[in-house]
PDB file of N, CA and C in Angstrom:
ATOM      1  N   UNK A   1     160.273 181.901  96.601  1.00  0.00           N
ATOM      2  CA  UNK A   1     160.419 180.484  96.780  1.00  0.00           C
ATOM      3  C   UNK A   1     160.068 180.076  98.206  1.00  0.00           C
ATOM      4  N   UNK A   2     160.548 180.840  99.159  1.00  0.00           N
ATOM      5  CA  UNK A   2     160.278 180.556 100.558  1.00  0.00           C
ATOM      6  C   UNK A   2     158.791 180.716 100.853  1.00  0.00           C
ATOM      7  N   UNK A   3     158.184 181.719 100.262  1.00  0.00           N
ATOM      8  CA  UNK A   3     156.753 181.951 100.475  1.00  0.00           C
ATOM      9  C   UNK A   3     155.941 180.799  99.889  1.00  0.00           C
ATOM     10  N   UNK A   4     156.372 180.291  98.744  1.00  0.00           N
ATOM     11  CA  UNK A   4     155.657 179.182  98.104  1.00  0.00           C
ATOM     12  C   UNK A   4     155.728 177.919  98.970  1.00  0.00           C
ATOM     13  N   UNK A   5     156.897 177.614  99.538  1.00  0.00           N
ATOM     14  CA  UNK A   5     157.040 176.453 100.411  1.00  0.00           C
ATOM     15  C   UNK A   5     156.214 176.635 101.680  1.00  0.00           C
ATOM     16  N   UNK A   6     156.212 177.846 102.207  1.00  0.00           N
ATOM     17  CA  UNK A   6     155.454 178.139 103.418  1.00  0.00           C
ATOM     18  C   UNK A   6     153.957 177.985 103.173  1.00  0.00           C
ATOM     19  N   UNK A   7     153.485 178.460 102.023  1.00  0.00           N
ATOM     20  CA  UNK A   7     152.062 178.324 101.673  1.00  0.00           C
ATOM     21  C   UNK A   7     151.696 176.855 101.477  1.00  0.00           C
ATOM     22  N   UNK A   8     152.573 176.108 100.811  1.00  0.00           N
ATOM     23  CA  UNK A   8     152.317 174.678 100.602  1.00  0.00           C
ATOM     24  C   UNK A   8     152.281 173.940 101.935  1.00  0.00           C
ATOM     25  N   UNK A   9     153.197 174.275 102.821  1.00  0.00           N
ATOM     26  CA  UNK A   9     153.246 173.646 104.132  1.00  0.00           C
ATOM     27  C   UNK A   9     151.995 173.976 104.939  1.00  0.00           C
ATOM     28  N   UNK A  10     151.558 175.215 104.890  1.00  0.00           N
ATOM     29  CA  UNK A  10     150.333 175.619 105.595  1.00  0.00           C
ATOM     30  C   UNK A  10     149.108 174.923 105.009  1.00  0.00           C
ATOM     31  N   UNK A  11     149.075 174.801 103.693  1.00  0.00           N
ATOM     32  CA  UNK A  11     147.954 174.150 103.029  1.00  0.00           C
ATOM     33  C   UNK A  11     147.880 172.667 103.410  1.00  0.00           C
ATOM     34  N   UNK A  12     149.016 171.974 103.374  1.00  0.00           N
ATOM     35  CA  UNK A  12     149.052 170.555 103.755  1.00  0.00           C
ATOM     36  C   UNK A  12     148.713 170.403 105.237  1.00  0.00           C
ATOM     37  N   UNK A  13     149.271 171.271 106.061  1.00  0.00           N
ATOM     38  CA  UNK A  13     148.970 171.227 107.499  1.00  0.00           C
ATOM     39  C   UNK A  13     147.499 171.480 107.776  1.00  0.00           C
ATOM     40  N   UNK A  14     146.898 172.401 107.016  1.00  0.00           N
ATOM     41  CA  UNK A  14     145.467 172.676 107.177  1.00  0.00           C
ATOM     42  C   UNK A  14     144.613 171.473 106.815  1.00  0.00           C
ATOM     43  N   UNK A  15     144.972 170.796 105.711  1.00  0.00           N
ATOM     44  CA  UNK A  15     144.226 169.592 105.321  1.00  0.00           C
ATOM     45  C   UNK A  15     144.341 168.493 106.381  1.00  0.00           C
ATOM     46  N   UNK A  16     145.533 168.340 106.920  1.00  0.00           N
ATOM     47  CA  UNK A  16     145.731 167.326 107.965  1.00  0.00           C
ATOM     48  C   UNK A  16     144.917 167.680 109.204  1.00  0.00           C
ATOM     49  N   UNK A  17     144.919 168.953 109.563  1.00  0.00           N
ATOM     50  CA  UNK A  17     144.167 169.400 110.733  1.00  0.00           C
ATOM     51  C   UNK A  17     142.668 169.205 110.535  1.00  0.00           C
ATOM     52  N   UNK A  18     142.170 169.562 109.361  1.00  0.00           N
ATOM     53  CA  UNK A  18     140.737 169.413 109.079  1.00  0.00           C
ATOM     54  C   UNK A  18     140.339 167.939 109.078  1.00  0.00           C
ATOM     55  N   UNK A  19     141.168 167.095 108.477  1.00  0.00           N
ATOM     56  CA  UNK A  19     140.829 165.665 108.436  1.00  0.00           C
ATOM     57  C   UNK A  19     140.904 165.039 109.825  1.00  0.00           C
ATOM     58  N   UNK A  20     141.818 165.515 110.673  1.00  0.00           N
ATOM     59  CA  UNK A  20     141.928 164.979 112.029  1.00  0.00           C
ATOM     60  C   UNK A  20     140.749 165.415 112.886  1.00  0.00           C
ATOM     61  N   UNK A  21     140.238 166.613 112.662  1.00  0.00           N
ATOM     62  CA  UNK A  21     139.095 167.100 113.443  1.00  0.00           C
ATOM     63  C   UNK A  21     137.812 166.361 113.071  1.00  0.00           C
ATOM     64  N   UNK A  22     137.721 165.932 111.834  1.00  0.00           N
ATOM     65  CA  UNK A  22     136.514 165.241 111.401  1.00  0.00           C
ATOM     66  C   UNK A  22     136.497 163.770 111.751  1.00  0.00           C
ATOM     67  N   UNK A  23     137.619 163.247 112.195  1.00  0.00           N
ATOM     68  CA  UNK A  23     137.681 161.818 112.522  1.00  0.00           C
ATOM     69  C   UNK A  23     136.927 161.558 113.816  1.00  0.00           C
ATOM     70  N   UNK A  24     136.198 160.466 113.852  1.00  0.00           N
ATOM     71  CA  UNK A  24     135.478 160.093 115.068  1.00  0.00           C
ATOM     72  C   UNK A  24     136.259 159.005 115.785  1.00  0.00           C
ATOM     73  N   UNK A  25     136.205 159.006 117.098  1.00  0.00           N
ATOM     74  CA  UNK A  25     136.910 157.958 117.837  1.00  0.00           C
ATOM     75  C   UNK A  25     136.246 156.606 117.581  1.00  0.00           C
ATOM     76  N   UNK A  26     136.990 155.537 117.683  1.00  0.00           N
ATOM     77  CA  UNK A  26     136.389 154.214 117.454  1.00  0.00           C
ATOM     78  C   UNK A  26     135.298 153.942 118.480  1.00  0.00           C
ATOM     79  N   UNK A  27     134.203 153.357 118.003  1.00  0.00           N
ATOM     80  CA  UNK A  27     133.083 153.078 118.894  1.00  0.00           C
ATOM     81  C   UNK A  27     133.409 151.874 119.768  1.00  0.00           C
ATOM     82  N   UNK A  28     133.063 152.009 121.041  1.00  0.00           N
ATOM     83  CA  UNK A  28     133.280 150.905 121.967  1.00  0.00           C
ATOM     84  C   UNK A  28     132.138 149.909 121.812  1.00  0.00           C
ATOM     85  N   UNK A  29     132.480 148.652 121.912  1.00  0.00           N
ATOM     86  CA  UNK A  29     131.445 147.633 121.820  1.00  0.00           C
ATOM     87  C   UNK A  29     130.661 147.617 123.123  1.00  0.00           C
ATOM     88  N   UNK A  30     129.357 147.753 122.993  1.00  0.00           N
ATOM     89  CA  UNK A  30     128.489 147.765 124.161  1.00  0.00           C
ATOM     90  C   UNK A  30     127.911 146.367 124.330  1.00  0.00           C
ATOM     91  N   UNK A  31     128.070 145.834 125.517  1.00  0.00           N
ATOM     92  CA  UNK A  31     127.526 144.499 125.783  1.00  0.00           C
ATOM     93  C   UNK A  31     126.005 144.585 125.812  1.00  0.00           C
ATOM     94  N   UNK A  32     125.324 143.634 125.207  1.00  0.00           N
ATOM     95  CA  UNK A  32     123.861 143.673 125.222  1.00  0.00           C
ATOM     96  C   UNK A  32     123.330 143.489 126.637  1.00  0.00           C
ATOM     97  N   UNK A  33     122.263 144.232 126.938  1.00  0.00           N
ATOM     98  CA  UNK A  33     121.668 144.125 128.261  1.00  0.00           C
ATOM     99  C   UNK A  33     120.922 142.798 128.377  1.00  0.00           C
ATOM    100  N   UNK A  34     121.018 142.165 129.529  1.00  0.00           N
ATOM    101  CA  UNK A  34     120.268 140.915 129.693  1.00  0.00           C
ATOM    102  C   UNK A  34     118.767 141.200 129.695  1.00  0.00           C
ATOM    103  N   UNK A  35     118.021 140.242 129.232  1.00  0.00           N
ATOM    104  CA  UNK A  35     116.567 140.412 129.169  1.00  0.00           C
ATOM    105  C   UNK A  35     116.010 140.552 130.583  1.00  0.00           C
ATOM    106  N   UNK A  36     115.130 141.519 130.754  1.00  0.00           N
ATOM    107  CA  UNK A  36     114.523 141.741 132.058  1.00  0.00           C
ATOM    108  C   UNK A  36     113.314 140.820 132.214  1.00  0.00           C
ATOM    109  N   UNK A  37     113.166 140.289 133.394  1.00  0.00           N
ATOM    110  CA  UNK A  37     112.061 139.388 133.676  1.00  0.00           C
ATOM    111  C   UNK A  37     110.823 140.196 134.014  1.00  0.00           C
ATOM    112  N   UNK A  38     109.720 139.856 133.392  1.00  0.00           N
ATOM    113  CA  UNK A  38     108.451 140.500 133.697  1.00  0.00           C
ATOM    114  C   UNK A  38     107.778 139.742 134.832  1.00  0.00           C
ATOM    115  N   UNK A  39     107.356 140.477 135.846  1.00  0.00           N
ATOM    116  CA  UNK A  39     106.688 139.868 136.988  1.00  0.00           C
ATOM    117  C   UNK A  39     105.331 140.527 137.151  1.00  0.00           C
ATOM    118  N   UNK A  40     104.287 139.716 137.136  1.00  0.00           N
ATOM    119  CA  UNK A  40     102.929 140.192 137.394  1.00  0.00           C
ATOM    120  C   UNK A  40     102.428 139.428 138.605  1.00  0.00           C
ATOM    121  N   UNK A  41     102.137 140.157 139.669  1.00  0.00           N
ATOM    122  CA  UNK A  41     101.633 139.522 140.876  1.00  0.00           C
ATOM    123  C   UNK A  41     100.204 139.993 141.080  1.00  0.00           C
ATOM    124  N   UNK A  42      99.271 139.073 140.986  1.00  0.00           N
ATOM    125  CA  UNK A  42      97.855 139.409 141.119  1.00  0.00           C
ATOM    126  C   UNK A  42      97.413 138.990 142.511  1.00  0.00           C
ATOM    127  N   UNK A  43      96.957 139.967 143.285  1.00  0.00           N
ATOM    128  CA  UNK A  43      96.486 139.712 144.641  1.00  0.00           C
ATOM    129  C   UNK A  43      95.030 140.141 144.693  1.00  0.00           C
ATOM    130  N   UNK A  44      94.179 139.215 145.069  1.00  0.00           N
ATOM    131  CA  UNK A  44      92.743 139.487 145.099  1.00  0.00           C
ATOM    132  C   UNK A  44      92.212 139.100 146.469  1.00  0.00           C
ATOM    133  N   UNK A  45      91.348 139.949 146.997  1.00  0.00           N
ATOM    134  CA  UNK A  45      90.712 139.679 148.276  1.00  0.00           C
ATOM    135  C   UNK A  45      89.509 138.758 148.048  1.00  0.00           C
ATOM    136  N   UNK A  46      89.383 137.723 148.833  1.00  0.00           N
ATOM    137  CA  UNK A  46      88.260 136.772 148.771  1.00  0.00           C
ATOM    138  C   UNK A  46      88.149 136.080 147.419  1.00  0.00           C
ATOM    139  N   UNK A  47      89.250 135.709 146.814  1.00  0.00           N
ATOM    140  CA  UNK A  47      89.221 134.978 145.548  1.00  0.00           C
ATOM    141  C   UNK A  47      89.010 133.495 145.833  1.00  0.00           C
ATOM    142  N   UNK A  48      88.068 132.926 145.136  1.00  0.00           N
ATOM    143  CA  UNK A  48      87.871 131.483 145.272  1.00  0.00           C
ATOM    144  C   UNK A  48      88.451 130.789 144.052  1.00  0.00           C
ATOM    145  N   UNK A  49      88.237 129.509 143.938  1.00  0.00           N
ATOM    146  CA  UNK A  49      88.826 128.755 142.832  1.00  0.00           C
ATOM    147  C   UNK A  49      87.922 128.707 141.609  1.00  0.00           C
ATOM    148  N   UNK A  50      87.052 129.664 141.434  1.00  0.00           N
ATOM    149  CA  UNK A  50      86.176 129.672 140.267  1.00  0.00           C
ATOM    150  C   UNK A  50      86.875 130.212 139.029  1.00  0.00           C
ATOM    151  N   UNK A  51      88.068 130.707 139.158  1.00  0.00           N
ATOM    152  CA  UNK A  51      88.817 131.191 138.002  1.00  0.00           C
ATOM    153  C   UNK A  51      89.179 129.987 137.145  1.00  0.00           C
ATOM    154  N   UNK A  52      89.028 130.119 135.829  1.00  0.00           N
ATOM    155  CA  UNK A  52      89.231 128.998 134.922  1.00  0.00           C
ATOM    156  C   UNK A  52      90.607 128.366 135.008  1.00  0.00           C
ATOM    157  N   UNK A  53      91.648 129.166 135.222  1.00  0.00           N
ATOM    158  CA  UNK A  53      93.013 128.629 135.271  1.00  0.00           C
ATOM    159  C   UNK A  53      93.226 127.724 136.477  1.00  0.00           C
ATOM    160  N   UNK A  54      92.406 127.884 137.487  1.00  0.00           N
ATOM    161  CA  UNK A  54      92.546 127.079 138.697  1.00  0.00           C
ATOM    162  C   UNK A  54      91.605 125.878 138.684  1.00  0.00           C
ATOM    163  N   UNK A  55      91.055 125.558 137.518  1.00  0.00           N
ATOM    164  CA  UNK A  55      90.165 124.405 137.409  1.00  0.00           C
ATOM    165  C   UNK A  55      88.805 124.678 138.020  1.00  0.00           C
ATOM    166  N   UNK A  56      88.346 125.914 137.902  1.00  0.00           N
ATOM    167  CA  UNK A  56      87.120 126.337 138.555  1.00  0.00           C
ATOM    168  C   UNK A  56      85.851 125.952 137.829  1.00  0.00           C
ATOM    169  N   UNK A  57      84.857 126.750 138.043  1.00  0.00           N
ATOM    170  CA  UNK A  57      83.519 126.508 137.511  1.00  0.00           C
ATOM    171  C   UNK A  57      83.542 126.556 135.984  1.00  0.00           C
ATOM    172  N   UNK A  58      82.840 125.638 135.311  1.00  0.00           N
ATOM    173  CA  UNK A  58      82.886 125.611 133.842  1.00  0.00           C
ATOM    174  C   UNK A  58      82.222 126.817 133.180  1.00  0.00           C
ATOM    175  N   UNK A  59      81.319 127.497 133.867  1.00  0.00           N
ATOM    176  CA  UNK A  59      80.645 128.660 133.281  1.00  0.00           C
ATOM    177  C   UNK A  59      81.455 129.948 133.419  1.00  0.00           C
ATOM    178  N   UNK A  60      82.508 129.920 134.199  1.00  0.00           N
ATOM    179  CA  UNK A  60      83.321 131.114 134.406  1.00  0.00           C
ATOM    180  C   UNK A  60      84.217 131.338 133.191  1.00  0.00           C
ATOM    181  N   UNK A  61      84.158 132.552 132.628  1.00  0.00           N
ATOM    182  CA  UNK A  61      84.960 132.895 131.446  1.00  0.00           C
ATOM    183  C   UNK A  61      86.040 133.895 131.870  1.00  0.00           C
ATOM    184  N   UNK A  62      87.262 133.444 131.934  1.00  0.00           N
ATOM    185  CA  UNK A  62      88.402 134.310 132.270  1.00  0.00           C
ATOM    186  C   UNK A  62      89.532 134.057 131.271  1.00  0.00           C
ATOM    187  N   UNK A  63      89.369 134.501 130.014  1.00  0.00           N
ATOM    188  CA  UNK A  63      90.389 134.178 129.002  1.00  0.00           C
ATOM    189  C   UNK A  63      91.748 134.824 129.269  1.00  0.00           C
ATOM    190  N   UNK A  64      91.767 136.045 129.775  1.00  0.00           N
ATOM    191  CA  UNK A  64      93.055 136.712 130.014  1.00  0.00           C
ATOM    192  C   UNK A  64      93.798 136.084 131.189  1.00  0.00           C
ATOM    193  N   UNK A  65      93.068 135.764 132.244  1.00  0.00           N
ATOM    194  CA  UNK A  65      93.702 135.089 133.386  1.00  0.00           C
ATOM    195  C   UNK A  65      94.201 133.707 132.971  1.00  0.00           C
ATOM    196  N   UNK A  66      93.415 133.014 132.137  1.00  0.00           N
ATOM    197  CA  UNK A  66      93.836 131.692 131.665  1.00  0.00           C
ATOM    198  C   UNK A  66      95.110 131.791 130.829  1.00  0.00           C
ATOM    199  N   UNK A  67      95.200 132.807 129.971  1.00  0.00           N
ATOM    200  CA  UNK A  67      96.382 132.974 129.130  1.00  0.00           C
ATOM    201  C   UNK A  67      97.614 133.314 129.978  1.00  0.00           C
ATOM    202  N   UNK A  68      97.442 134.180 130.974  1.00  0.00           N
ATOM    203  CA  UNK A  68      98.561 134.494 131.873  1.00  0.00           C
ATOM    204  C   UNK A  68      99.033 133.242 132.612  1.00  0.00           C
ATOM    205  N   UNK A  69      98.087 132.425 133.059  1.00  0.00           N
ATOM    206  CA  UNK A  69      98.453 131.201 133.777  1.00  0.00           C
ATOM    207  C   UNK A  69      99.140 130.205 132.855  1.00  0.00           C
ATOM    208  N   UNK A  70      98.717 130.144 131.591  1.00  0.00           N
ATOM    209  CA  UNK A  70      99.334 129.211 130.645  1.00  0.00           C
ATOM    210  C   UNK A  70     100.756 129.621 130.280  1.00  0.00           C
ATOM    211  N   UNK A  71     101.017 130.927 130.194  1.00  0.00           N
ATOM    212  CA  UNK A  71     102.329 131.416 129.769  1.00  0.00           C
ATOM    213  C   UNK A  71     103.311 131.591 130.918  1.00  0.00           C
ATOM    214  N   UNK A  72     102.815 131.579 132.150  1.00  0.00           N
ATOM    215  CA  UNK A  72     103.694 131.868 133.274  1.00  0.00           C
ATOM    216  C   UNK A  72     103.700 130.758 134.304  1.00  0.00           C
ATOM    217  N   UNK A  73     103.951 131.150 135.534  1.00  0.00           N
ATOM    218  CA  UNK A  73     103.987 130.220 136.653  1.00  0.00           C
ATOM    219  C   UNK A  73     102.746 130.428 137.484  1.00  0.00           C
ATOM    220  N   UNK A  74     102.078 129.362 137.806  1.00  0.00           N
ATOM    221  CA  UNK A  74     100.841 129.424 138.579  1.00  0.00           C
ATOM    222  C   UNK A  74     101.088 128.741 139.915  1.00  0.00           C
ATOM    223  N   UNK A  75     100.916 129.475 141.000  1.00  0.00           N
ATOM    224  CA  UNK A  75     101.088 128.918 142.334  1.00  0.00           C
ATOM    225  C   UNK A  75      99.737 128.409 142.815  1.00  0.00           C
ATOM    226  N   UNK A  76      99.612 127.105 142.936  1.00  0.00           N
ATOM    227  CA  UNK A  76      98.338 126.504 143.333  1.00  0.00           C
ATOM    228  C   UNK A  76      98.229 126.319 144.842  1.00  0.00           C
ATOM    229  N   UNK A  77      99.290 126.582 145.584  1.00  0.00           N
ATOM    230  CA  UNK A  77      99.279 126.337 147.018  1.00  0.00           C
ATOM    231  C   UNK A  77      99.609 127.634 147.761  1.00  0.00           C
ATOM    232  N   UNK A  78      98.799 128.666 147.541  1.00  0.00           N
ATOM    233  CA  UNK A  78      99.014 129.958 148.199  1.00  0.00           C
ATOM    234  C   UNK A  78      98.106 130.054 149.419  1.00  0.00           C
ATOM    235  N   UNK A  79      98.578 130.738 150.439  1.00  0.00           N
ATOM    236  CA  UNK A  79      97.815 130.850 151.681  1.00  0.00           C
ATOM    237  C   UNK A  79      97.756 132.305 152.115  1.00  0.00           C
ATOM    238  N   UNK A  80      96.701 132.651 152.842  1.00  0.00           N
ATOM    239  CA  UNK A  80      96.545 133.995 153.397  1.00  0.00           C
ATOM    240  C   UNK A  80      97.297 134.074 154.722  1.00  0.00           C
ATOM    241  N   UNK A  81      97.725 135.278 155.058  1.00  0.00           N
ATOM    242  CA  UNK A  81      98.468 135.456 156.308  1.00  0.00           C
ATOM    243  C   UNK A  81      97.552 135.583 157.514  1.00  0.00           C
ATOM    244  N   UNK A  82      96.277 135.880 157.279  1.00  0.00           N
ATOM    245  CA  UNK A  82      95.321 136.011 158.378  1.00  0.00           C
ATOM    246  C   UNK A  82      93.961 135.494 157.914  1.00  0.00           C
ATOM    247  N   UNK A  83      93.117 135.138 158.868  1.00  0.00           N
ATOM    248  CA  UNK A  83      91.801 134.596 158.525  1.00  0.00           C
ATOM    249  C   UNK A  83      90.828 135.682 158.075  1.00  0.00           C
ATOM    250  N   UNK A  84      91.040 136.904 158.488  1.00  0.00           N
ATOM    251  CA  UNK A  84      90.170 138.018 158.103  1.00  0.00           C
ATOM    252  C   UNK A  84      90.801 138.797 156.957  1.00  0.00           C
ATOM    253  N   UNK A  85      89.944 139.449 156.150  1.00  0.00           N
ATOM    254  CA  UNK A  85      90.477 140.129 154.964  1.00  0.00           C
ATOM    255  C   UNK A  85      91.275 141.381 155.317  1.00  0.00           C
ATOM    256  N   UNK A  86      90.888 142.124 156.349  1.00  0.00           N
ATOM    257  CA  UNK A  86      91.589 143.362 156.702  1.00  0.00           C
ATOM    258  C   UNK A  86      93.048 143.143 157.058  1.00  0.00           C
ATOM    259  N   UNK A  87      93.351 142.289 158.038  1.00  0.00           N
ATOM    260  CA  UNK A  87      94.761 142.044 158.368  1.00  0.00           C
ATOM    261  C   UNK A  87      95.541 141.392 157.229  1.00  0.00           C
ATOM    262  N   UNK A  88      94.879 140.527 156.472  1.00  0.00           N
ATOM    263  CA  UNK A  88      95.559 139.884 155.348  1.00  0.00           C
ATOM    264  C   UNK A  88      95.949 140.913 154.295  1.00  0.00           C
ATOM    265  N   UNK A  89      95.041 141.828 153.992  1.00  0.00           N
ATOM    266  CA  UNK A  89      95.315 142.888 153.014  1.00  0.00           C
ATOM    267  C   UNK A  89      96.412 143.813 153.529  1.00  0.00           C
ATOM    268  N   UNK A  90      96.386 144.146 154.804  1.00  0.00           N
ATOM    269  CA  UNK A  90      97.405 145.033 155.375  1.00  0.00           C
ATOM    270  C   UNK A  90      98.785 144.381 155.343  1.00  0.00           C
ATOM    271  N   UNK A  91      98.848 143.071 155.525  1.00  0.00           N
ATOM    272  CA  UNK A  91     100.151 142.405 155.505  1.00  0.00           C
ATOM    273  C   UNK A  91     100.751 142.391 154.103  1.00  0.00           C
ATOM    274  N   UNK A  92      99.906 142.372 153.075  1.00  0.00           N
ATOM    275  CA  UNK A  92     100.412 142.418 151.704  1.00  0.00           C
ATOM    276  C   UNK A  92     100.938 143.809 151.378  1.00  0.00           C
ATOM    277  N   UNK A  93     100.288 144.838 151.890  1.00  0.00           N
ATOM    278  CA  UNK A  93     100.668 146.223 151.570  1.00  0.00           C
ATOM    279  C   UNK A  93     101.884 146.702 152.345  1.00  0.00           C
ATOM    280  N   UNK A  94     102.277 145.999 153.388  1.00  0.00           N
ATOM    281  CA  UNK A  94     103.429 146.456 154.173  1.00  0.00           C
ATOM    282  C   UNK A  94     104.644 145.614 153.903  1.00  0.00           C
TER     283      UNK A  94
END
């Protein structure tokens, strides 16, 4: 009789142990990451206003530049840091 109770107790305890080991902890709610802003900065040496997005020459075909300008922000009042291309380029790289 004692052996039967002991076996039953071990069997029930084993089932409880197995079911507890298989349980997964509750998942924590993860806050969604904020959308990252895409930034494309195009720097060109000796660029004139012939690019289509800047109201340039009618024969100039720049569909990708035009699409980027239409979907984003276009700075129409940009200035160079120096009158010569070498120092101006160096100031952008540093």
